Structure formats: C-alpha cells, structure tokens
Amino acid sequence: MTTHRRPVLEKFTRSPRMPGEAMRVGPPRSSGDQPPDELDLIPLQVAKALVDIMGQTRLNTEVVLTNAGLDQLAQALRDGGPVTIPRPIFAALADQCVVALHNYACERENLRALPYSYFHLLCTSLIATPDLRTAIQIASQFEEMMLEGRGAMRLAIVGDEAILTLDLGHAVRDLPTLLVMMFALGSFHRIFSWLIRDEIRLSDVFLDFPAALAQPAFNILFQQEPKLEQKQSAIAFSRAYLDRPVSRTFGELTELFEYFPFDLFPPSYNQESLIERVRRATNLALSWNEDLPKVDQLARSFGMSAPTLRRRLAHEHATVNAIRKECRMKLAERLLCGSKLTIDQIAYRCGFSDITAFRRAFGGWFATTPSDYRAKAAKERGTVRMGAAS
C-alpha cells in the first residue's frame, strides 16, 4: 500500500456517552449483547498495542500519529487518557499504522507493496457477483494477480466448513507481518460479510506465526482468539454462507469506503429488516424458478435457528408464509399485467406445481380468476390510453 489519503479527523473526543452514562471500561460488549455495527468504541489498549508494534520498527510513531491528525491520541496514549476511543479515531490510526507496516515489511523483503486503491478496486468488482462463492473466487483471482504469484488466497471445503486461506508472500514471521496478516484476514472477512448484508460467524481463525508473537489485544478483530503455530493463515466458517446472494449496489460503496478497510469492526450489515431479507431470498428463488426456501433453510442462511427466525419475524409482525404469499401475489400481478406469458407459465413462475392450485390461491388473493384479472387490467390500460389521446 504505497500511497494513501484520509481526511484529518476533528478533535479527539473522550468516549462520547449519554448524560449520566458511565464511561465504558474494557472491551466493547460482545456480539451476543449487540450487533457488530453498534460497537462504536474501541479499547485504548488496542491502539496502544498497534503503536507499540510501530515502535519496534524504524518507523517514526509520532509522525504517523501527526499524519493521521491524532496528536491528542498520542497524548492520551502517553498520559493514560480514556479507556475507549471512537471507531473513526481508531480507523484513522490503523490506516496510518497498517499501511506503514505493510510498506516496511515489503521493502525489507524486496517485495512490491500493494497500492492503497487495491481494496477499492476489489470491492467495486465484487458487487457484480451473484453470490458469495463467486465473490470469493473473483477475489482469489484478484489477489493472485496483485501478489504477482508470491502468494495467494484459496477456498477449500472441509465437511460443513469453508476454509479461506491467505498467503501474502512474506518469508519473515514477526510482529509487523503478523499484524498485516491479521488486518488482511479481517478485511476480507468484513467485505465478504458486507456483501451479503450479514456477519459471517467465524468458527476458527488460524495464523501461521509463532505462538510467542500472540497479540491478545487484536483478538477483538475476530471476536475470538486465533490459533497460532498453524500450517497456514486462514479463517473458517459455515459453507452455507457460500450460497448467500450478493445484494449490494454501486451506490453503497461510498459509505463503505469512508473508513474501510481500516475500521476495526464491520460496516453496517443489518440496515435491512429480517422481513426484507426473507423477501429478498424468496424473490430470488422465484426469479430462478427454484423451490421456495423453507424456514430451516432461511434460518441457516441467516446464521440463526428456525425458532429464532420465527421469533424475530413475529417481533416484526410477520411470518415466512405471509412473506411468501406477498411475493407470489406481487409476481403474479406483475406477470399478468406486464407480460404475455400464459396462465400456466405464470403459475409455474410463481412456484405452483399445477394450474388448479394457482387458480385457487389467486382467487383467495384477489377474489377473481387470473384470466378475469388480466382482462380487467388490459381494459383499464386501454381506457387510460384513450383518455390520454383525447
């Protein structure tokens, strides 16, 4: 990452909080207490560990903090300061430190450093992929091209788990390369989670580094303790995630790029309600003429149990059957009014195995037959056109 830019942040704050609320001490609450996108404060000890690693190299820590506009953070690190710092502050610090450590490690081994724009180009290309499996395949090809053969990213399936390994091509195993690897794995974890609008829950994190280099402060990157002394560096997660659709748009990249890939925690995943996510999965199955996903399939794809899915939908005053009915109704109405498909073809597109079941369901939805509904819609469109012409 040879060049970089980041707007200088405003004045460093002492952990904003509501009136009467005590300052948070220690690590942010776990993902079991609140979703990752609500974790807005980072333990100061993480920033201190990052700066300490910088201090073990020939890099000038004071210059790094000044470039990030974090003079007050430097003072907080010296004097003790608050026990937590805002995410944007840490993102600015990580921006400067990780880029500097990456350049340092590459220069030391005579390797070409990856340009700062690398992740931006990668993310822009991944939003065009249909599902996570394809996104990882494209990312692997992109990584191989950028690393020029010195390293690679590979996806392997072992039983019910997907293992994503990463090799950045560094021969030296020390704190700078360990930190760069942890941030690289964390960044891929975050972008893949962002693409499917849901946190990918990791079952394991493996690091091909000596146990003596363990950095407990950075376990917060993965919300668990990585296993060191492994044969490869990798993250492991359920293979079910691989079939999840990519549902991001080009317009959403601007918000992602505000701090990514140096934000410690993932971008916001859960802006969509669970109803919207179930609706999206149902419409996707209908568009591909596939069987509609059952409750247990939806639950697995969303990383929760079937009872939890039902309970959360009930909290949003919905059920899977009601959402399925809504999606079928809207599709049937759209195809009857806007296509030349036969009634039999529309029944099939709406997930019905026979025309009789479709007619019966349609009558319950609209109190008429599909043929009469189409005829009435055509007549109304003709009346509107005649009125416009006159």
Protein backbone atom coordinates (compact mmCIF):
# COMPACT_ATOMS: atom_id res chain seq x y z
CA MET A 1 0.00 0.00 0.00
CA THR A 2 2.28 2.65 -1.27
CA THR A 3 0.12 5.76 -1.12
CA HIS A 4 -2.84 6.74 1.00
CA ARG A 5 -5.06 9.62 1.95
CA ARG A 6 -7.56 10.19 4.71
CA PRO A 7 -9.21 13.40 5.83
CA VAL A 8 -7.74 14.72 9.07
CA LEU A 9 -10.21 13.99 11.85
CA GLU A 10 -11.73 16.56 14.11
CA LYS A 11 -10.70 16.97 17.72
CA PHE A 12 -10.16 13.70 19.59
CA THR A 13 -13.00 13.10 22.00
CA ARG A 14 -13.13 11.33 25.33
CA SER A 15 -15.55 8.49 24.51
CA PRO A 16 -18.90 10.20 23.82
CA ARG A 17 -21.72 8.96 26.02
CA MET A 18 -25.23 9.88 27.08
CA PRO A 19 -25.73 12.19 30.08
CA GLY A 20 -25.44 10.18 33.28
CA GLU A 21 -23.89 7.20 31.48
CA ALA A 22 -20.62 5.93 32.91
CA MET A 23 -17.59 5.73 30.62
CA ARG A 24 -17.23 2.23 29.23
CA VAL A 25 -14.31 0.29 30.62
CA GLY A 26 -12.59 -2.59 28.84
CA PRO A 27 -13.57 -4.21 25.56
CA PRO A 28 -16.85 -3.30 23.88
CA ARG A 29 -19.71 -5.62 24.58
CA SER A 30 -19.64 -8.89 22.67
CA SER A 31 -21.68 -9.55 19.57
CA GLY A 32 -24.06 -11.50 21.77
CA ASP A 33 -25.00 -8.25 23.51
CA GLN A 34 -25.29 -6.07 20.42
CA PRO A 35 -24.64 -6.39 16.69
CA PRO A 36 -21.14 -5.51 15.44
CA ASP A 37 -22.31 -2.37 13.65
CA GLU A 38 -23.27 -0.86 17.02
CA LEU A 39 -19.81 -1.34 18.54
CA ASP A 40 -18.70 2.26 18.29
CA LEU A 41 -15.93 2.36 20.91
CA ILE A 42 -12.55 0.62 20.77
CA PRO A 43 -10.43 -0.19 23.85
CA LEU A 44 -7.48 2.17 24.12
CA GLN A 45 -5.24 -0.83 24.76
CA VAL A 46 -5.75 -1.92 21.13
CA ALA A 47 -4.48 1.43 19.87
CA LYS A 48 -1.57 1.24 22.31
CA ALA A 49 -0.63 -2.25 21.08
CA LEU A 50 -0.69 -1.01 17.50
CA VAL A 51 1.54 1.94 18.30
CA ASP A 52 3.90 -0.27 20.33
CA ILE A 53 4.43 -2.54 17.31
CA MET A 54 5.20 0.54 15.24
CA GLY A 55 7.77 1.50 17.86
CA GLN A 56 9.63 -1.79 17.35
CA THR A 57 10.43 -0.83 13.77
CA ARG A 58 12.42 2.04 12.33
CA LEU A 59 9.16 3.89 11.67
CA ASN A 60 8.52 7.19 13.45
CA THR A 61 5.38 6.75 15.55
CA GLU A 62 4.99 10.46 16.26
CA VAL A 63 4.98 11.25 12.54
CA VAL A 64 2.39 8.56 11.93
CA LEU A 65 0.05 9.96 14.57
CA THR A 66 0.56 13.52 13.31
CA ASN A 67 -0.24 12.48 9.73
CA ALA A 68 -3.46 10.93 10.98
CA GLY A 69 -4.38 14.14 12.81
CA LEU A 70 -4.20 12.26 16.11
CA ASP A 71 -1.93 14.42 18.26
CA GLN A 72 -4.43 14.21 21.11
CA LEU A 73 -4.50 10.43 20.81
CA ALA A 74 -0.73 10.46 21.20
CA GLN A 75 -1.16 12.43 24.39
CA ALA A 76 -3.86 10.01 25.61
CA LEU A 77 -1.52 7.09 24.97
CA ARG A 78 1.21 8.80 26.99
CA ASP A 79 -0.98 10.01 29.85
CA GLY A 80 -3.46 7.17 30.15
CA GLY A 81 -6.44 9.07 28.72
CA PRO A 82 -9.89 7.48 28.29
CA VAL A 83 -10.25 3.70 28.33
CA THR A 84 -12.03 3.67 24.96
CA ILE A 85 -11.77 5.67 21.75
CA PRO A 86 -14.31 6.18 18.93
CA ARG A 87 -14.16 3.88 15.92
CA PRO A 88 -13.30 6.68 13.43
CA ILE A 89 -10.29 7.62 15.56
CA PHE A 90 -9.02 4.04 15.59
CA ALA A 91 -9.70 3.67 11.85
CA ALA A 92 -7.52 6.71 11.15
CA LEU A 93 -4.76 5.29 13.35
CA ALA A 94 -4.97 1.85 11.75
CA ASP A 95 -4.91 3.48 8.31
CA GLN A 96 -1.53 5.05 9.01
CA CYS A 97 -0.02 2.19 11.01
CA VAL A 98 -1.04 -0.80 8.88
CA VAL A 99 -0.06 0.93 5.63
CA ALA A 100 3.30 1.88 7.12
CA LEU A 101 3.91 -1.64 8.47
CA HIS A 102 2.90 -3.18 5.14
CA ASN A 103 5.30 -0.94 3.24
CA TYR A 104 8.03 -1.63 5.80
CA ALA A 105 7.60 -5.43 5.55
CA CYS A 106 7.56 -5.35 1.74
CA GLU A 107 10.60 -3.09 1.45
CA ARG A 108 12.52 -5.28 3.88
CA GLU A 109 11.90 -8.37 1.72
CA ASN A 110 12.18 -6.52 -1.60
CA LEU A 111 8.50 -7.13 -2.44
CA ARG A 112 6.15 -4.78 -4.26
CA ALA A 113 3.72 -3.19 -1.84
CA LEU A 114 0.04 -3.30 -2.76
CA PRO A 115 -1.38 0.10 -3.75
CA TYR A 116 -3.89 1.79 -1.47
CA SER A 117 -6.56 1.56 -4.17
CA TYR A 118 -6.37 -2.24 -4.15
CA PHE A 119 -9.33 -2.84 -1.85
CA HIS A 120 -11.44 -0.18 -3.56
CA LEU A 121 -10.98 -1.82 -6.96
CA LEU A 122 -11.66 -5.25 -5.47
CA CYS A 123 -14.87 -4.17 -3.71
CA THR A 124 -16.13 -2.45 -6.84
CA SER A 125 -15.69 -5.65 -8.84
CA LEU A 126 -17.27 -7.92 -6.20
CA ILE A 127 -20.66 -6.18 -6.07
CA ALA A 128 -21.36 -7.54 -9.58
CA THR A 129 -21.10 -11.18 -8.44
CA PRO A 130 -24.27 -13.25 -7.86
CA ASP A 131 -23.28 -14.99 -4.62
CA LEU A 132 -20.55 -15.20 -2.00
CA ARG A 133 -18.94 -18.27 -3.55
CA THR A 134 -18.40 -16.41 -6.82
CA ALA A 135 -17.24 -13.30 -4.95
CA ILE A 136 -14.53 -15.33 -3.19
CA GLN A 137 -13.46 -16.88 -6.48
CA ILE A 138 -13.11 -13.44 -8.08
CA ALA A 139 -11.29 -12.11 -5.01
CA SER A 140 -8.87 -15.06 -5.17
CA GLN A 141 -8.08 -14.32 -8.82
CA PHE A 142 -7.67 -10.63 -8.00
CA GLU A 143 -5.34 -11.45 -5.10
CA GLU A 144 -3.19 -13.75 -7.24
CA MET A 145 -2.84 -11.03 -9.85
CA MET A 146 -1.93 -8.33 -7.32
CA LEU A 147 0.54 -10.54 -5.45
CA GLU A 148 2.22 -11.48 -8.76
CA GLY A 149 2.50 -15.14 -7.83
CA ARG A 150 4.26 -14.66 -4.50
CA GLY A 151 1.13 -15.50 -2.52
CA ALA A 152 -2.49 -16.46 -2.97
CA MET A 153 -5.94 -16.80 -1.45
CA ARG A 154 -7.64 -20.19 -1.65
CA LEU A 155 -11.06 -21.56 -0.70
CA ALA A 156 -11.39 -25.18 0.42
CA ILE A 157 -14.44 -27.10 1.63
CA VAL A 158 -13.88 -29.48 4.56
CA GLY A 159 -17.10 -31.15 5.63
CA ASP A 160 -19.57 -28.41 6.52
CA GLU A 161 -16.87 -25.76 6.79
CA ALA A 162 -15.36 -23.37 4.28
CA ILE A 163 -11.66 -22.64 4.88
CA LEU A 164 -10.32 -19.43 3.33
CA THR A 165 -6.51 -19.40 3.40
CA LEU A 166 -4.37 -16.35 2.72
CA ASP A 167 -0.66 -16.13 1.91
CA LEU A 168 0.77 -12.64 1.43
CA GLY A 169 4.17 -13.96 0.36
CA HIS A 170 6.17 -12.81 3.39
CA ALA A 171 9.01 -15.12 4.44
CA VAL A 172 9.64 -13.25 7.70
CA ARG A 173 7.36 -14.07 10.62
CA ASP A 174 7.42 -11.20 13.10
CA LEU A 175 5.04 -8.68 14.65
CA PRO A 176 4.75 -6.37 11.60
CA THR A 177 3.86 -9.21 9.23
CA LEU A 178 1.56 -10.77 11.86
CA LEU A 179 -0.38 -7.53 12.21
CA VAL A 180 -0.60 -7.06 8.44
CA MET A 181 -1.90 -10.62 8.09
CA MET A 182 -4.50 -10.16 10.85
CA PHE A 183 -5.79 -6.97 9.25
CA ALA A 184 -5.81 -8.62 5.81
CA LEU A 185 -7.85 -11.60 7.05
CA GLY A 186 -10.10 -9.24 8.99
CA SER A 187 -10.63 -7.06 5.93
CA PHE A 188 -11.66 -9.99 3.75
CA HIS A 189 -13.97 -11.20 6.50
CA ARG A 190 -15.57 -7.77 6.69
CA ILE A 191 -16.00 -7.23 2.94
CA PHE A 192 -17.49 -10.68 2.40
CA SER A 193 -19.89 -10.10 5.31
CA TRP A 194 -20.81 -6.68 3.95
CA LEU A 195 -21.57 -8.13 0.53
CA ILE A 196 -24.24 -10.49 1.94
CA ARG A 197 -25.52 -7.96 4.50
CA ASP A 198 -24.84 -10.24 7.46
CA GLU A 199 -21.92 -11.02 9.73
CA ILE A 200 -20.17 -14.23 8.76
CA ARG A 201 -19.66 -16.01 12.05
CA LEU A 202 -16.17 -17.46 12.17
CA SER A 203 -15.68 -20.90 13.68
CA ASP A 204 -11.86 -20.62 13.71
CA VAL A 205 -9.01 -18.27 12.89
CA PHE A 206 -5.62 -19.83 12.07
CA LEU A 207 -2.31 -17.99 11.94
CA ASP A 208 0.95 -19.30 10.52
CA PHE A 209 3.00 -17.46 13.13
CA PRO A 210 4.90 -18.43 16.30
CA ALA A 211 2.86 -18.53 19.49
CA ALA A 212 5.38 -16.18 21.09
CA LEU A 213 4.03 -13.38 18.85
CA ALA A 214 0.47 -13.66 20.17
CA GLN A 215 -1.24 -10.27 20.47
CA PRO A 216 -4.34 -10.69 22.69
CA ALA A 217 -5.32 -7.04 22.16
CA PHE A 218 -6.05 -7.79 18.49
CA ASN A 219 -8.28 -10.79 19.18
CA ILE A 220 -11.07 -8.22 19.01
CA LEU A 221 -10.56 -8.19 15.24
CA PHE A 222 -12.26 -11.57 15.03
CA GLN A 223 -14.14 -11.62 18.35
CA GLN A 224 -12.21 -14.77 19.29
CA GLU A 225 -8.68 -15.98 20.00
CA PRO A 226 -6.78 -17.08 16.87
CA LYS A 227 -4.85 -20.35 16.85
CA LEU A 228 -1.14 -19.78 16.22
CA GLU A 229 1.59 -22.24 15.18
CA GLN A 230 -0.64 -23.36 12.28
CA LYS A 231 0.46 -24.52 8.82
CA GLN A 232 -1.42 -21.69 7.15
CA SER A 233 -3.24 -18.46 7.94
CA ALA A 234 -6.96 -18.80 7.38
CA ILE A 235 -10.49 -18.16 8.58
CA ALA A 236 -13.13 -20.90 8.82
CA PHE A 237 -16.90 -20.52 8.60
CA SER A 238 -20.00 -22.48 7.65
CA ARG A 239 -20.12 -23.42 3.97
CA ALA A 240 -23.79 -22.41 3.97
CA TYR A 241 -22.68 -18.79 3.66
CA LEU A 242 -21.24 -19.51 0.21
CA ASP A 243 -24.71 -19.71 -1.35
CA ARG A 244 -25.85 -16.41 0.10
CA PRO A 245 -26.63 -13.82 -2.61
CA VAL A 246 -24.56 -10.66 -3.00
CA SER A 247 -27.06 -7.82 -2.64
CA ARG A 248 -25.01 -4.64 -2.52
CA THR A 249 -25.15 -1.85 -5.10
CA PHE A 250 -22.57 0.51 -6.52
CA GLY A 251 -24.16 3.41 -4.68
CA GLU A 252 -23.47 1.79 -1.30
CA LEU A 253 -19.71 1.75 -1.86
CA THR A 254 -19.30 5.39 -0.82
CA GLU A 255 -20.38 4.67 2.76
CA LEU A 256 -18.23 1.53 2.86
CA PHE A 257 -15.12 3.39 1.70
CA GLU A 258 -15.42 6.05 4.40
CA TYR A 259 -13.13 4.01 6.68
CA PHE A 260 -12.81 0.54 5.13
CA PRO A 261 -10.57 -1.46 5.24
CA PHE A 262 -9.13 0.05 8.42
CA ASP A 263 -12.25 0.12 10.58
CA LEU A 264 -11.79 -2.47 13.32
CA PHE A 265 -15.40 -3.64 13.15
CA PRO A 266 -17.57 -4.47 10.15
CA PRO A 267 -19.59 -1.88 8.24
CA SER A 268 -23.31 -1.84 8.93
CA TYR A 269 -24.84 -5.15 7.86
CA ASN A 270 -28.28 -5.06 9.31
CA GLN A 271 -29.85 -1.98 7.76
CA GLU A 272 -32.40 -4.32 6.18
CA SER A 273 -35.10 -5.75 8.40
CA LEU A 274 -35.44 -9.51 8.63
CA ILE A 275 -38.65 -9.20 6.63
CA GLU A 276 -36.72 -7.57 3.79
CA ARG A 277 -34.06 -10.27 3.91
CA VAL A 278 -36.63 -13.09 3.76
CA ARG A 279 -38.45 -11.25 0.99
CA ARG A 280 -35.20 -10.89 -0.96
CA ALA A 281 -34.41 -14.61 -0.63
CA THR A 282 -37.95 -15.55 -1.70
CA ASN A 283 -37.94 -13.26 -4.74
CA LEU A 284 -34.54 -14.60 -5.73
CA ALA A 285 -35.82 -18.18 -5.67
CA LEU A 286 -38.88 -17.18 -7.71
CA SER A 287 -36.73 -15.40 -10.29
CA TRP A 288 -34.62 -18.54 -10.73
CA ASN A 289 -37.63 -20.89 -10.82
CA GLU A 290 -36.32 -22.67 -7.74
CA ASP A 291 -38.25 -24.15 -4.83
CA LEU A 292 -39.08 -21.50 -2.27
CA PRO A 293 -36.72 -21.68 0.71
CA LYS A 294 -38.15 -23.35 3.79
CA VAL A 295 -37.90 -21.94 7.30
CA ASP A 296 -34.90 -24.07 8.27
CA GLN A 297 -33.09 -23.17 5.03
CA LEU A 298 -33.69 -19.46 5.59
CA ALA A 299 -32.58 -19.75 9.20
CA ARG A 300 -29.31 -21.47 8.23
CA SER A 301 -28.58 -18.90 5.53
CA PHE A 302 -29.10 -16.09 8.04
CA GLY A 303 -26.93 -17.75 10.69
CA MET A 304 -29.72 -18.42 13.21
CA SER A 305 -32.01 -21.22 14.34
CA ALA A 306 -35.51 -21.74 12.96
CA PRO A 307 -37.17 -20.76 16.29
CA THR A 308 -35.08 -17.58 16.37
CA LEU A 309 -36.12 -16.74 12.82
CA ARG A 310 -39.78 -17.21 13.66
CA ARG A 311 -39.44 -15.20 16.87
CA ARG A 312 -37.67 -12.28 15.17
CA LEU A 313 -40.19 -12.24 12.33
CA ALA A 314 -43.01 -12.25 14.88
CA HIS A 315 -41.36 -9.23 16.51
CA GLU A 316 -41.67 -7.53 13.09
CA HIS A 317 -45.30 -8.73 12.85
CA ALA A 318 -44.66 -11.17 10.00
CA THR A 319 -44.30 -14.87 9.17
CA VAL A 320 -42.46 -16.73 6.42
CA ASN A 321 -45.77 -17.86 4.95
CA ALA A 322 -47.12 -14.30 4.87
CA ILE A 323 -43.97 -13.03 3.12
CA ARG A 324 -44.09 -15.92 0.66
CA LYS A 325 -47.73 -15.13 -0.10
CA GLU A 326 -46.94 -11.45 -0.63
CA CYS A 327 -44.07 -12.23 -3.03
CA ARG A 328 -46.20 -14.65 -5.05
CA MET A 329 -49.09 -12.19 -5.21
CA LYS A 330 -46.94 -9.34 -6.49
CA LEU A 331 -45.18 -11.54 -9.03
CA ALA A 332 -48.47 -12.96 -10.32
CA GLU A 333 -49.94 -9.47 -10.62
CA ARG A 334 -46.86 -8.14 -12.42
CA LEU A 335 -46.71 -11.02 -14.89
CA LEU A 336 -50.45 -10.94 -15.63
CA CYS A 337 -50.39 -7.21 -16.31
CA GLY A 338 -46.99 -6.80 -17.86
CA SER A 339 -46.14 -9.99 -19.78
CA LYS A 340 -47.53 -12.24 -22.49
CA LEU A 341 -46.93 -15.44 -20.52
CA THR A 342 -49.79 -17.93 -20.39
CA ILE A 343 -51.62 -18.57 -17.14
CA ASP A 344 -49.90 -21.95 -16.89
CA GLN A 345 -46.48 -20.33 -17.31
CA ILE A 346 -47.28 -17.68 -14.70
CA ALA A 347 -48.40 -20.37 -12.25
CA TYR A 348 -45.06 -22.11 -12.71
CA ARG A 349 -43.11 -18.86 -12.29
CA CYS A 350 -44.98 -18.22 -9.04
CA GLY A 351 -43.90 -21.55 -7.61
CA PHE A 352 -47.07 -23.58 -8.15
CA SER A 353 -46.85 -27.13 -9.40
CA ASP A 354 -50.25 -27.09 -11.12
CA ILE A 355 -52.68 -24.54 -12.52
CA THR A 356 -55.52 -25.61 -10.21
CA ALA A 357 -53.57 -24.72 -7.07
CA PHE A 358 -52.59 -21.38 -8.63
CA ARG A 359 -56.18 -20.50 -9.56
CA ARG A 360 -57.37 -21.41 -6.07
CA ALA A 361 -54.67 -19.29 -4.41
CA PHE A 362 -55.21 -16.40 -6.80
CA GLY A 363 -58.92 -16.41 -6.08
CA GLY A 364 -58.16 -16.13 -2.38
CA TRP A 365 -55.83 -13.17 -3.01
CA PHE A 366 -57.91 -11.12 -5.43
CA ALA A 367 -61.43 -12.66 -5.34
CA THR A 368 -61.31 -13.27 -9.09
CA THR A 369 -59.66 -15.56 -11.65
CA PRO A 370 -56.27 -14.86 -13.26
CA SER A 371 -57.91 -14.53 -16.70
CA ASP A 372 -60.51 -12.04 -15.49
CA TYR A 373 -57.86 -10.05 -13.60
CA ARG A 374 -55.70 -9.81 -16.76
CA ALA A 375 -58.66 -8.80 -18.91
CA LYS A 376 -59.75 -6.12 -16.46
CA ALA A 377 -56.19 -4.74 -16.23
CA ALA A 378 -55.92 -4.63 -20.04
CA LYS A 379 -59.26 -2.83 -20.29
CA GLU A 380 -58.19 -0.25 -17.70
CA ARG A 381 -54.93 0.37 -19.54
CA GLY A 382 -56.86 0.86 -22.78
CA THR A 383 -59.19 3.36 -21.12
CA VAL A 384 -56.23 5.32 -19.77
CA ARG A 385 -54.58 5.41 -23.21
CA MET A 386 -57.80 6.60 -24.86
CA GLY A 387 -58.21 9.32 -22.27
CA ALA A 388 -54.65 10.49 -22.79
CA ALA A 389 -55.10 10.55 -26.57
CA SER A 390 -58.25 12.69 -26.35
